[in-house]
Protein backbone atom coordinates (compact mmCIF):
# COMPACT_ATOMS: atom_id res chain seq x y z
CA MET A 1 0.00 0.00 0.00
CA CYS A 2 1.28 3.48 -0.91
CA VAL A 3 2.37 5.52 2.12
CA PHE A 4 1.05 8.78 0.61
CA CYS A 5 -2.35 7.19 0.03
CA GLN A 6 -2.65 6.22 3.72
CA ARG A 7 -3.79 9.62 5.01
CA ASP A 8 -4.25 8.42 8.58
CA THR A 9 -0.52 7.63 8.83
CA LEU A 10 0.70 10.98 7.49
CA SER A 11 1.78 13.06 10.47
CA ASN A 12 3.66 15.88 8.75
CA ILE A 13 0.87 17.57 6.77
CA LEU A 14 1.47 21.32 6.60
CA TYR A 15 -1.39 22.26 4.27
CA GLN A 16 -4.16 20.63 2.25
CA SER A 17 -5.82 21.93 -0.89
CA GLU A 18 -8.53 20.19 -2.89
CA HIS A 19 -6.14 17.95 -4.84
CA PHE A 20 -2.74 18.30 -3.12
CA LEU A 21 -0.95 18.01 0.20
CA LEU A 22 2.10 19.87 1.45
CA LEU A 23 4.18 17.60 3.65
CA ALA A 24 7.28 18.17 5.72
CA ASP A 25 9.76 15.57 4.44
CA HIS A 26 10.36 13.05 7.26
CA ALA A 27 14.07 12.81 6.32
CA PRO A 28 14.81 16.41 5.34
CA VAL A 29 17.82 17.09 3.13
CA VAL A 30 18.00 20.59 4.65
CA ALA A 31 15.82 22.60 7.01
CA GLY A 32 12.59 23.55 5.22
CA HIS A 33 12.46 20.49 2.92
CA ILE A 34 8.82 20.16 1.75
CA LEU A 35 7.01 17.72 -0.56
CA ILE A 36 4.11 18.69 -2.83
CA VAL A 37 2.02 15.52 -3.19
CA PRO A 38 -1.19 14.97 -5.17
CA ARG A 39 -3.97 13.40 -3.11
CA ASP A 40 -4.83 10.94 -5.88
CA HIS A 41 -2.33 8.26 -6.78
CA TYR A 42 -0.22 9.20 -9.82
CA THR A 43 3.19 7.61 -10.34
CA CYS A 44 4.85 10.94 -11.16
CA TYR A 45 4.01 14.51 -12.18
CA GLY A 46 4.17 13.42 -15.81
CA ALA A 47 0.96 11.48 -15.08
CA VAL A 48 -0.88 14.26 -13.21
CA PRO A 49 -3.73 15.54 -15.43
CA ALA A 50 -3.72 19.04 -16.91
CA PRO A 51 -6.87 20.25 -15.07
CA LEU A 52 -4.82 20.23 -11.83
CA ASP A 53 -2.05 22.48 -13.19
CA ALA A 54 -3.44 25.81 -11.90
CA GLU A 55 -3.88 24.49 -8.35
CA PHE A 56 -0.43 22.89 -8.43
CA LEU A 57 1.27 26.08 -9.67
CA HIS A 58 -0.54 28.09 -6.99
CA LEU A 59 0.90 25.76 -4.33
CA LYS A 60 4.39 26.05 -5.82
CA ALA A 61 4.11 29.84 -5.56
CA LEU A 62 2.84 29.58 -1.98
CA VAL A 63 5.72 27.32 -0.95
CA THR A 64 8.25 29.49 -2.76
CA GLY A 65 7.07 32.55 -0.83
CA PHE A 66 7.32 30.63 2.43
CA CYS A 67 10.81 29.30 1.69
CA ARG A 68 12.12 32.69 0.64
CA ALA A 69 10.67 34.36 3.74
CA THR A 70 11.76 31.66 6.19
CA TYR A 71 14.76 29.82 4.71
CA ARG A 72 16.24 30.39 1.26
CA THR A 73 15.09 30.29 -2.36
CA PRO A 74 14.06 26.72 -3.17
CA VAL A 75 15.01 24.31 -5.90
CA PHE A 76 12.32 21.90 -7.15
CA PHE A 77 13.35 18.34 -7.92
CA GLU A 78 11.44 15.25 -9.01
CA HIS A 79 12.79 11.77 -9.64
CA GLY A 80 9.96 10.86 -11.98
CA VAL A 81 9.86 7.13 -11.21
CA PHE A 82 13.57 6.31 -11.46
CA HIS A 83 15.22 5.99 -8.02
CA GLN A 84 11.89 6.44 -6.26
CA THR A 85 11.25 4.80 -2.91
CA VAL A 86 7.55 5.76 -2.96
CA PHE A 87 5.85 5.37 -6.33
CA HIS A 88 3.45 8.25 -5.84
CA ALA A 89 4.22 11.63 -7.40
CA HIS A 90 5.99 14.01 -5.06
CA LEU A 91 7.93 17.16 -5.89
CA HIS A 92 10.80 17.99 -3.54
CA VAL A 93 11.05 21.65 -2.51
CA ILE A 94 14.59 22.14 -1.19
CA PRO A 95 15.63 25.60 0.09
CA VAL A 96 19.27 25.78 -1.05
CA GLY A 97 19.55 29.46 -1.97
CA SER A 98 22.20 29.87 -4.64
CA PHE A 99 22.19 27.40 -7.46
CA PRO A 100 25.13 26.46 -9.69
CA ASP A 101 24.68 27.03 -13.40
CA ASP A 102 26.42 23.68 -13.96
CA ILE A 103 23.29 21.80 -12.89
CA ALA A 104 21.02 23.61 -15.30
CA THR A 105 23.58 23.27 -18.09
CA ILE A 106 24.03 19.53 -17.48
CA ALA A 107 20.29 18.95 -17.37
CA THR A 108 19.58 20.98 -20.50
CA GLU A 109 22.42 19.35 -22.47
CA ALA A 110 21.16 15.86 -21.64
CA GLY A 111 17.44 16.66 -21.77
CA ARG A 112 15.44 19.71 -22.71
CA PRO A 113 14.05 22.88 -21.12
CA VAL A 114 10.60 22.79 -19.54
CA VAL A 115 8.23 25.71 -19.91
CA SER A 116 5.02 24.14 -18.57
CA GLN A 117 3.59 21.01 -16.98
CA ALA A 118 2.55 19.97 -20.49
CA ASP A 119 6.25 19.53 -21.34
CA ILE A 120 6.61 17.07 -18.46
CA ARG A 121 3.52 15.13 -19.51
CA ASP A 122 4.76 15.03 -23.10
CA TRP A 123 8.16 13.65 -22.04
CA TYR A 124 6.55 11.01 -19.84
CA GLU A 125 4.13 9.92 -22.57
CA THR A 126 6.77 9.76 -25.31
CA GLN A 127 10.00 8.87 -23.49
CA GLY A 128 9.00 7.46 -20.12
CA HIS A 129 10.98 8.00 -16.93
CA TYR A 130 12.77 11.26 -16.22
CA PHE A 131 14.31 13.61 -13.68
CA TYR A 132 13.01 17.15 -13.32
CA LEU A 133 14.92 20.11 -11.94
CA GLU A 134 13.80 23.72 -11.52
CA ARG A 135 15.59 26.74 -10.16
CA LEU A 136 14.27 30.25 -9.63
CA VAL A 137 16.35 33.05 -11.12
CA GLY A 138 16.42 36.70 -10.05
CA ASP A 139 14.49 38.65 -7.46
CA ASP A 140 11.19 37.90 -9.16
CA GLY A 141 11.93 34.16 -9.18
CA VAL A 142 11.62 33.38 -12.88
CA PRO A 143 11.55 29.57 -13.20
CA HIS A 144 14.24 27.87 -15.26
CA ALA A 145 13.43 24.17 -15.52
CA ALA A 146 14.77 21.14 -17.35
CA ILE A 147 13.80 17.53 -17.75
CA TYR A 148 16.41 14.88 -18.48
CA PRO A 149 16.63 11.12 -18.93
CA PRO A 150 17.11 8.69 -16.03
CA ASN A 151 20.80 8.09 -16.55
CA GLN A 152 22.41 6.94 -13.30
CA GLN A 153 25.72 8.72 -13.87
CA LEU A 154 23.96 11.98 -14.75
CA TYR A 155 21.62 11.60 -11.77
CA TYR A 156 24.51 11.27 -9.31
CA ARG A 157 26.38 14.14 -10.93
CA VAL A 158 23.41 16.49 -10.55
CA LEU A 159 22.71 15.32 -6.99
CA GLY A 160 26.38 15.81 -6.13
CA LEU A 161 26.19 19.43 -7.25
CA LEU A 162 22.98 19.93 -5.26
CA ARG A 163 24.64 18.42 -2.18
CA GLU A 164 27.50 20.89 -2.50
CA GLN A 165 24.97 23.73 -2.33
CA THR A 166 23.63 22.63 1.05
CA GLY A 167 27.07 22.59 2.65
CA PRO A 168 27.71 22.58 6.38
CA PRO A 169 26.26 23.27 8.85
CA GLY A 170 23.17 21.15 8.53
CA GLY A 171 23.93 20.07 5.00
CA TRP A 172 22.85 17.02 3.03
CA SER A 173 23.60 13.77 4.85
CA PRO A 174 22.75 10.14 4.01
CA GLN A 175 19.07 9.18 4.32
CA PRO A 176 19.44 6.96 7.43
CA MET A 177 21.13 9.85 9.24
CA ARG A 178 18.49 12.30 8.01
CA ARG A 179 15.75 10.06 9.38
CA LEU A 180 17.46 9.90 12.77
CA THR A 181 18.07 13.64 13.00
CA GLY A 182 15.07 14.92 11.05
CA THR A 183 12.53 15.21 13.86
CA ARG A 184 13.80 18.58 15.09
CA LYS A 185 13.88 20.02 11.54
CA VAL A 186 10.34 18.76 10.89
CA GLN A 187 9.07 20.33 14.13
CA GLU A 188 10.79 23.63 13.33
CA LEU A 189 9.37 23.61 9.80
CA THR A 190 5.86 22.90 11.10
CA SER A 191 6.09 25.80 13.56
CA ALA A 192 7.52 28.12 10.91
CA TRP A 193 4.74 27.19 8.48
CA ARG A 194 2.05 27.93 11.10
CA ARG A 195 3.58 31.32 11.82
CA TYR A 196 3.78 32.10 8.09
CA ALA A 197 0.21 30.93 7.44
CA ASP A 198 -1.10 33.11 10.30
C-alpha cells in the first residue's frame, strides 16, 4: 500500500488543498524540505492531469514565498519514477539558496528545457521516466526548468552538485542519518509554516 495514500498515517501535513498536500519531508535534506504531493495516486508529475495544473502552480508559488521568507530560495526536484522509494508523485522543494549554473547546463544538455507542466507530460508519454529540476532566477523568481533522462551517472552528478549547495552546517547527509536527526527540523518547519500561514 502506498504511504502517501494512507492519510491516517501521514503526520507531517502542513497544508491541504482540494487535490494536493504539502508535507514536511520526514528525512529532510536541509531545514525547510517540503514535498508537494497529489492526493490521488499518480506515479509521477508526468501522469498528473492538466486540469490540476493551476492548483499545483498556486501551491508552488505559496511554498516558494514561504521558503524565501523563512529559509532560502528553493530548488524543485522530481525523480519521476527512477530511483523512487515511494511510487506516488511528489515534488521535492529544497531551500538551497544559490544554485550552480552547472546543474542547469548539465540537465539541459542531456534533456530539454521545460516551460510548462505539459512539457513534463509530453516527455513522460513519449519517453517514459525522467528527472526534473527547476531553479528560480532573479528577485522575481523566474523559473528555469529542465527535464532529463534517467541516466544513473547523470543523476549522481546532478545530486552531487545539489549536495555541494547545502554545505555545512546542517547540509545534506545520508538518508538513514536524516531520518534519525530529522525530527527537530520537521518540528521547526511545522512551527515556521504555522507562523507564516497566520
